Amino acid sequence: MGDHKEQPLRVGAAVRRRRRALELTLAVVAERSGLSVPFLSQIENERARPSRSSLEKVADALRTTAVELLAAADPACSVDVVRADCAEAEPQLRVRSLVRGHHQMHAQEFTGDHDARREFQYRNDQLMYVADGAVEIEAEGRAYRLGRGDTLYLTGGVRHRWRATVSDTRVVVVAVAEHIEAVQDRPRQ
């Protein structure tokens, strides 16, 4: 009753809008992402649904994040319930968006591990909360070990990577959306 109807995410239009805004061809995005032009065309035309890994490659090629592309794919809702049973599953990793639509904040829950070599750098601030298990996060040349209930706050622009150190780890990542001008240029100390 009153729940937002769960529908498959249709990210193709968001990918196309971002690519065109950057004035890039499919060939350039293919070269940057390592994906084929036909596959990218199928994504943009909603004839193929990218895996989480492929979506991250496309997002990197478009100098954005998978979270931003997913947010741009859904219509905004003022009140929305995201049910716990709607996780997007991949082998040994489940990612669930906790906020749908184009909002000022994004939140995702990661269960399991992911590519620990992947480096992240968000324009705006983010908070990582370990709901279960444990993680190791590398940021600004230091390693931080976090356990259940711990949080790590990262100022916008900080490069970081993370990995689960315990199976079935659950991490909630909450970030100010990339389209928000929340960060003023400030000197790094």
C-alpha atoms as a PDB file:
ATOM      1  CA  MET A   1       0.000   0.000   0.000  1.00  0.00           C
ATOM      2  CA  GLY A   2       1.679   3.214  -1.025  1.00  0.00           C
ATOM      3  CA  ASP A   3       4.976   1.455  -1.799  1.00  0.00           C
ATOM      4  CA  HIS A   4       6.846   2.514  -4.909  1.00  0.00           C
ATOM      5  CA  LYS A   5       6.360  -0.346  -7.374  1.00  0.00           C
ATOM      6  CA  GLU A   6       9.600  -2.245  -7.860  1.00  0.00           C
ATOM      7  CA  GLN A   7      10.568  -2.252 -11.535  1.00  0.00           C
ATOM      8  CA  PRO A   8      13.803  -3.218 -13.240  1.00  0.00           C
ATOM      9  CA  LEU A   9      16.195  -0.309 -13.442  1.00  0.00           C
ATOM     10  CA  ARG A  10      16.338   1.207 -16.917  1.00  0.00           C
ATOM     11  CA  VAL A  11      19.709   2.878 -16.986  1.00  0.00           C
ATOM     12  CA  GLY A  12      20.163   3.228 -20.771  1.00  0.00           C
ATOM     13  CA  ALA A  13      18.686   6.712 -21.085  1.00  0.00           C
ATOM     14  CA  ALA A  14      20.867   7.948 -18.222  1.00  0.00           C
ATOM     15  CA  VAL A  15      23.974   6.516 -19.913  1.00  0.00           C
ATOM     16  CA  ARG A  16      23.033   8.158 -23.220  1.00  0.00           C
ATOM     17  CA  ARG A  17      22.319  11.546 -21.592  1.00  0.00           C
ATOM     18  CA  ARG A  18      25.645  11.496 -19.746  1.00  0.00           C
ATOM     19  CA  ARG A  19      27.587  10.424 -22.854  1.00  0.00           C
ATOM     20  CA  ARG A  20      25.987  13.143 -24.966  1.00  0.00           C
ATOM     21  CA  ALA A  21      26.514  15.784 -22.262  1.00  0.00           C
ATOM     22  CA  LEU A  22      30.235  14.957 -22.416  1.00  0.00           C
ATOM     23  CA  GLU A  23      30.056  14.989 -26.247  1.00  0.00           C
ATOM     24  CA  LEU A  24      31.512  11.481 -26.470  1.00  0.00           C
ATOM     25  CA  THR A  25      30.893   8.874 -29.139  1.00  0.00           C
ATOM     26  CA  LEU A  26      30.049   5.273 -28.340  1.00  0.00           C
ATOM     27  CA  ALA A  27      33.481   4.356 -29.738  1.00  0.00           C
ATOM     28  CA  VAL A  28      35.245   6.581 -27.188  1.00  0.00           C
ATOM     29  CA  VAL A  29      33.194   5.158 -24.312  1.00  0.00           C
ATOM     30  CA  ALA A  30      33.917   1.641 -25.596  1.00  0.00           C
ATOM     31  CA  GLU A  31      37.646   2.341 -25.666  1.00  0.00           C
ATOM     32  CA  ARG A  32      37.629   3.827 -22.172  1.00  0.00           C
ATOM     33  CA  SER A  33      35.461   1.091 -20.659  1.00  0.00           C
ATOM     34  CA  GLY A  34      36.802  -1.971 -22.457  1.00  0.00           C
ATOM     35  CA  LEU A  35      33.249  -2.849 -23.535  1.00  0.00           C
ATOM     36  CA  SER A  36      32.105  -3.216 -27.135  1.00  0.00           C
ATOM     37  CA  VAL A  37      30.251  -0.553 -29.108  1.00  0.00           C
ATOM     38  CA  PRO A  38      27.343  -2.951 -29.865  1.00  0.00           C
ATOM     39  CA  PHE A  39      26.966  -3.792 -26.157  1.00  0.00           C
ATOM     40  CA  LEU A  40      26.990  -0.102 -25.189  1.00  0.00           C
ATOM     41  CA  SER A  41      24.390   0.593 -27.880  1.00  0.00           C
ATOM     42  CA  GLN A  42      22.230  -2.210 -26.489  1.00  0.00           C
ATOM     43  CA  ILE A  43      22.524  -0.715 -22.992  1.00  0.00           C
ATOM     44  CA  GLU A  44      21.524   2.743 -24.231  1.00  0.00           C
ATOM     45  CA  ASN A  45      18.557   1.296 -26.133  1.00  0.00           C
ATOM     46  CA  GLU A  46      17.431  -0.813 -23.139  1.00  0.00           C
ATOM     47  CA  ARG A  47      18.051  -4.074 -25.028  1.00  0.00           C
ATOM     48  CA  ALA A  48      20.727  -5.173 -22.537  1.00  0.00           C
ATOM     49  CA  ARG A  49      20.978  -4.741 -18.792  1.00  0.00           C
ATOM     50  CA  PRO A  50      24.583  -4.280 -17.655  1.00  0.00           C
ATOM     51  CA  SER A  51      26.012  -6.231 -14.750  1.00  0.00           C
ATOM     52  CA  ARG A  52      27.225  -4.205 -11.783  1.00  0.00           C
ATOM     53  CA  SER A  53      30.790  -4.594 -13.033  1.00  0.00           C
ATOM     54  CA  SER A  54      29.902  -3.417 -16.557  1.00  0.00           C
ATOM     55  CA  LEU A  55      27.932  -0.479 -15.184  1.00  0.00           C
ATOM     56  CA  GLU A  56      30.956   0.578 -13.112  1.00  0.00           C
ATOM     57  CA  LYS A  57      33.147   0.406 -16.240  1.00  0.00           C
ATOM     58  CA  VAL A  58      30.654   2.562 -18.149  1.00  0.00           C
ATOM     59  CA  ALA A  59      30.444   5.005 -15.236  1.00  0.00           C
ATOM     60  CA  ASP A  60      34.243   5.269 -15.037  1.00  0.00           C
ATOM     61  CA  ALA A  61      34.388   5.918 -18.797  1.00  0.00           C
ATOM     62  CA  LEU A  62      31.770   8.664 -18.371  1.00  0.00           C
ATOM     63  CA  ARG A  63      33.614  10.139 -15.359  1.00  0.00           C
ATOM     64  CA  THR A  64      30.735   9.496 -12.998  1.00  0.00           C
ATOM     65  CA  THR A  65      29.648   6.702 -10.667  1.00  0.00           C
ATOM     66  CA  ALA A  66      27.306   3.760 -11.036  1.00  0.00           C
ATOM     67  CA  VAL A  67      25.261   5.298  -8.212  1.00  0.00           C
ATOM     68  CA  GLU A  68      24.757   8.488 -10.249  1.00  0.00           C
ATOM     69  CA  LEU A  69      23.724   6.559 -13.349  1.00  0.00           C
ATOM     70  CA  LEU A  70      21.273   4.464 -11.349  1.00  0.00           C
ATOM     71  CA  ALA A  71      19.870   7.557  -9.657  1.00  0.00           C
ATOM     72  CA  ALA A  72      19.347   9.241 -13.010  1.00  0.00           C
ATOM     73  CA  ALA A  73      17.537   6.111 -14.239  1.00  0.00           C
ATOM     74  CA  ASP A  74      14.679   6.260 -11.732  1.00  0.00           C
ATOM     75  CA  PRO A  75      12.050   8.941 -11.290  1.00  0.00           C
ATOM     76  CA  ALA A  76      12.326  10.865  -8.032  1.00  0.00           C
ATOM     77  CA  CYS A  77       9.825  10.109  -5.271  1.00  0.00           C
ATOM     78  CA  SER A  78       9.232  12.218  -2.189  1.00  0.00           C
ATOM     79  CA  VAL A  79       8.528   9.111  -0.080  1.00  0.00           C
ATOM     80  CA  ASP A  80       9.814   5.729  -1.129  1.00  0.00           C
ATOM     81  CA  VAL A  81      10.149   2.373   0.595  1.00  0.00           C
ATOM     82  CA  VAL A  82      12.936   0.096  -0.554  1.00  0.00           C
ATOM     83  CA  ARG A  83      12.271  -3.456   0.570  1.00  0.00           C
ATOM     84  CA  ALA A  84      15.086  -5.652   1.880  1.00  0.00           C
ATOM     85  CA  ASP A  85      14.355  -8.458  -0.589  1.00  0.00           C
ATOM     86  CA  CYS A  86      15.136  -6.437  -3.736  1.00  0.00           C
ATOM     87  CA  ALA A  87      18.941  -6.861  -3.793  1.00  0.00           C
ATOM     88  CA  GLU A  88      20.707  -7.022  -7.142  1.00  0.00           C
ATOM     89  CA  ALA A  89      22.741 -10.209  -6.972  1.00  0.00           C
ATOM     90  CA  GLU A  90      26.079 -11.055  -8.556  1.00  0.00           C
ATOM     91  CA  PRO A  91      28.373 -13.916  -7.607  1.00  0.00           C
ATOM     92  CA  GLN A  92      29.746 -13.233  -4.116  1.00  0.00           C
ATOM     93  CA  LEU A  93      28.488  -9.634  -4.109  1.00  0.00           C
ATOM     94  CA  ARG A  94      25.070  -8.152  -3.590  1.00  0.00           C
ATOM     95  CA  VAL A  95      24.431  -4.449  -3.961  1.00  0.00           C
ATOM     96  CA  ARG A  96      21.209  -2.850  -2.937  1.00  0.00           C
ATOM     97  CA  SER A  97      20.346   0.783  -3.506  1.00  0.00           C
ATOM     98  CA  LEU A  98      18.749   2.162  -0.376  1.00  0.00           C
ATOM     99  CA  VAL A  99      17.589   5.369  -2.065  1.00  0.00           C
ATOM    100  CA  ARG A 100      15.999   5.429  -5.518  1.00  0.00           C
ATOM    101  CA  GLY A 101      15.728   8.401  -7.794  1.00  0.00           C
ATOM    102  CA  HIS A 102      17.643  11.596  -8.392  1.00  0.00           C
ATOM    103  CA  HIS A 103      18.134  12.968  -4.880  1.00  0.00           C
ATOM    104  CA  GLN A 104      20.700  14.937  -2.900  1.00  0.00           C
ATOM    105  CA  MET A 105      21.851  11.780  -1.147  1.00  0.00           C
ATOM    106  CA  HIS A 106      22.635   8.259  -2.295  1.00  0.00           C
ATOM    107  CA  ALA A 107      22.934   5.163  -0.156  1.00  0.00           C
ATOM    108  CA  GLN A 108      23.880   1.610  -1.042  1.00  0.00           C
ATOM    109  CA  GLU A 109      24.322  -1.589   0.926  1.00  0.00           C
ATOM    110  CA  PHE A 110      27.119  -3.919  -0.178  1.00  0.00           C
ATOM    111  CA  THR A 111      27.052  -7.536   1.005  1.00  0.00           C
ATOM    112  CA  GLY A 112      30.101  -9.672   0.365  1.00  0.00           C
ATOM    113  CA  ASP A 113      33.319  -8.549  -1.262  1.00  0.00           C
ATOM    114  CA  HIS A 114      34.131  -6.634  -4.421  1.00  0.00           C
ATOM    115  CA  ASP A 115      37.180  -5.761  -6.504  1.00  0.00           C
ATOM    116  CA  ALA A 116      39.535  -4.409  -3.827  1.00  0.00           C
ATOM    117  CA  ARG A 117      41.783  -2.983  -6.556  1.00  0.00           C
ATOM    118  CA  ARG A 118      39.046  -0.560  -7.623  1.00  0.00           C
ATOM    119  CA  GLU A 119      39.783   2.935  -6.387  1.00  0.00           C
ATOM    120  CA  PHE A 120      36.996   5.382  -5.599  1.00  0.00           C
ATOM    121  CA  GLN A 121      37.024   9.147  -5.458  1.00  0.00           C
ATOM    122  CA  TYR A 122      33.776  10.999  -4.951  1.00  0.00           C
ATOM    123  CA  ARG A 123      33.282  14.699  -5.473  1.00  0.00           C
ATOM    124  CA  ASN A 124      31.337  15.081  -2.231  1.00  0.00           C
ATOM    125  CA  ASP A 125      31.496  13.651   1.275  1.00  0.00           C
ATOM    126  CA  GLN A 126      30.515  10.097   2.119  1.00  0.00           C
ATOM    127  CA  LEU A 127      30.054   7.902   5.163  1.00  0.00           C
ATOM    128  CA  MET A 128      30.782   4.172   5.310  1.00  0.00           C
ATOM    129  CA  TYR A 129      29.025   2.154   8.022  1.00  0.00           C
ATOM    130  CA  VAL A 130      29.857  -1.495   8.710  1.00  0.00           C
ATOM    131  CA  ALA A 131      26.536  -3.163   9.522  1.00  0.00           C
ATOM    132  CA  ASP A 132      28.056  -6.676   9.821  1.00  0.00           C
ATOM    133  CA  GLY A 133      31.500  -8.195   9.445  1.00  0.00           C
ATOM    134  CA  ALA A 134      34.682  -6.221   8.931  1.00  0.00           C
ATOM    135  CA  VAL A 135      36.430  -4.196   6.247  1.00  0.00           C
ATOM    136  CA  GLU A 136      39.802  -2.687   5.543  1.00  0.00           C
ATOM    137  CA  ILE A 137      39.799   0.731   3.889  1.00  0.00           C
ATOM    138  CA  GLU A 138      42.836   2.422   2.373  1.00  0.00           C
ATOM    139  CA  ALA A 139      42.598   6.221   2.241  1.00  0.00           C
ATOM    140  CA  GLU A 140      45.298   8.864   1.995  1.00  0.00           C
ATOM    141  CA  GLY A 141      48.097   6.345   2.443  1.00  0.00           C
ATOM    142  CA  ARG A 142      46.689   4.774   5.604  1.00  0.00           C
ATOM    143  CA  ALA A 143      44.788   1.558   6.263  1.00  0.00           C
ATOM    144  CA  TYR A 144      41.760   1.600   8.536  1.00  0.00           C
ATOM    145  CA  ARG A 145      40.241  -1.581   9.954  1.00  0.00           C
ATOM    146  CA  LEU A 146      36.572  -1.290  10.786  1.00  0.00           C
ATOM    147  CA  GLY A 147      34.318  -3.800  12.502  1.00  0.00           C
ATOM    148  CA  ARG A 148      30.605  -4.107  13.074  1.00  0.00           C
ATOM    149  CA  GLY A 149      29.079  -0.761  14.024  1.00  0.00           C
ATOM    150  CA  ASP A 150      32.125   1.314  13.003  1.00  0.00           C
ATOM    151  CA  THR A 151      31.913   4.240  10.580  1.00  0.00           C
ATOM    152  CA  LEU A 152      34.419   6.056   8.419  1.00  0.00           C
ATOM    153  CA  TYR A 153      33.793   9.559   7.101  1.00  0.00           C
ATOM    154  CA  LEU A 154      35.531  10.610   3.907  1.00  0.00           C
ATOM    155  CA  THR A 155      35.699  14.204   2.752  1.00  0.00           C
ATOM    156  CA  GLY A 156      34.921  14.759  -0.919  1.00  0.00           C
ATOM    157  CA  GLY A 157      37.901  14.166  -3.189  1.00  0.00           C
ATOM    158  CA  VAL A 158      39.645  11.565  -1.005  1.00  0.00           C
ATOM    159  CA  ARG A 159      40.823   8.584  -3.053  1.00  0.00           C
ATOM    160  CA  HIS A 160      40.112   5.274  -1.355  1.00  0.00           C
ATOM    161  CA  ARG A 161      39.574   1.562  -1.835  1.00  0.00           C
ATOM    162  CA  TRP A 162      38.092  -1.059   0.443  1.00  0.00           C
ATOM    163  CA  ARG A 163      37.682  -4.776   0.888  1.00  0.00           C
ATOM    164  CA  ALA A 164      35.726  -7.064   3.160  1.00  0.00           C
ATOM    165  CA  THR A 165      37.915  -9.078   5.527  1.00  0.00           C
ATOM    166  CA  VAL A 166      35.101 -11.326   6.760  1.00  0.00           C
ATOM    167  CA  SER A 167      32.604 -13.245   4.597  1.00  0.00           C
ATOM    168  CA  ASP A 168      29.028 -11.895   4.499  1.00  0.00           C
ATOM    169  CA  THR A 169      30.216  -8.421   5.446  1.00  0.00           C
ATOM    170  CA  ARG A 170      27.562  -5.719   4.985  1.00  0.00           C
ATOM    171  CA  VAL A 171      28.641  -2.124   4.374  1.00  0.00           C
ATOM    172  CA  VAL A 172      26.280   0.816   3.993  1.00  0.00           C
ATOM    173  CA  VAL A 173      27.690   3.732   1.993  1.00  0.00           C
ATOM    174  CA  VAL A 174      25.856   7.064   2.200  1.00  0.00           C
ATOM    175  CA  ALA A 175      27.085   9.908  -0.002  1.00  0.00           C
ATOM    176  CA  VAL A 176      26.102  13.400  -1.032  1.00  0.00           C
ATOM    177  CA  ALA A 177      25.074  13.100  -4.699  1.00  0.00           C
ATOM    178  CA  GLU A 178      27.645  14.013  -7.329  1.00  0.00           C
ATOM    179  CA  HIS A 179      25.372  16.634  -8.898  1.00  0.00           C
ATOM    180  CA  ILE A 180      25.248  18.614  -5.631  1.00  0.00           C
ATOM    181  CA  GLU A 181      27.769  21.447  -5.280  1.00  0.00           C
ATOM    182  CA  ALA A 182      28.310  20.663  -1.593  1.00  0.00           C
ATOM    183  CA  VAL A 183      32.064  21.015  -1.548  1.00  0.00           C
ATOM    184  CA  GLN A 184      33.870  24.294  -1.959  1.00  0.00           C
ATOM    185  CA  ASP A 185      37.479  24.198  -3.019  1.00  0.00           C
ATOM    186  CA  ARG A 186      39.443  24.101   0.192  1.00  0.00           C
ATOM    187  CA  PRO A 187      43.151  23.737   0.711  1.00  0.00           C
ATOM    188  CA  ARG A 188      44.360  20.252   1.707  1.00  0.00           C
ATOM    189  CA  GLN A 189      46.528  20.194   4.817  1.00  0.00           C
END
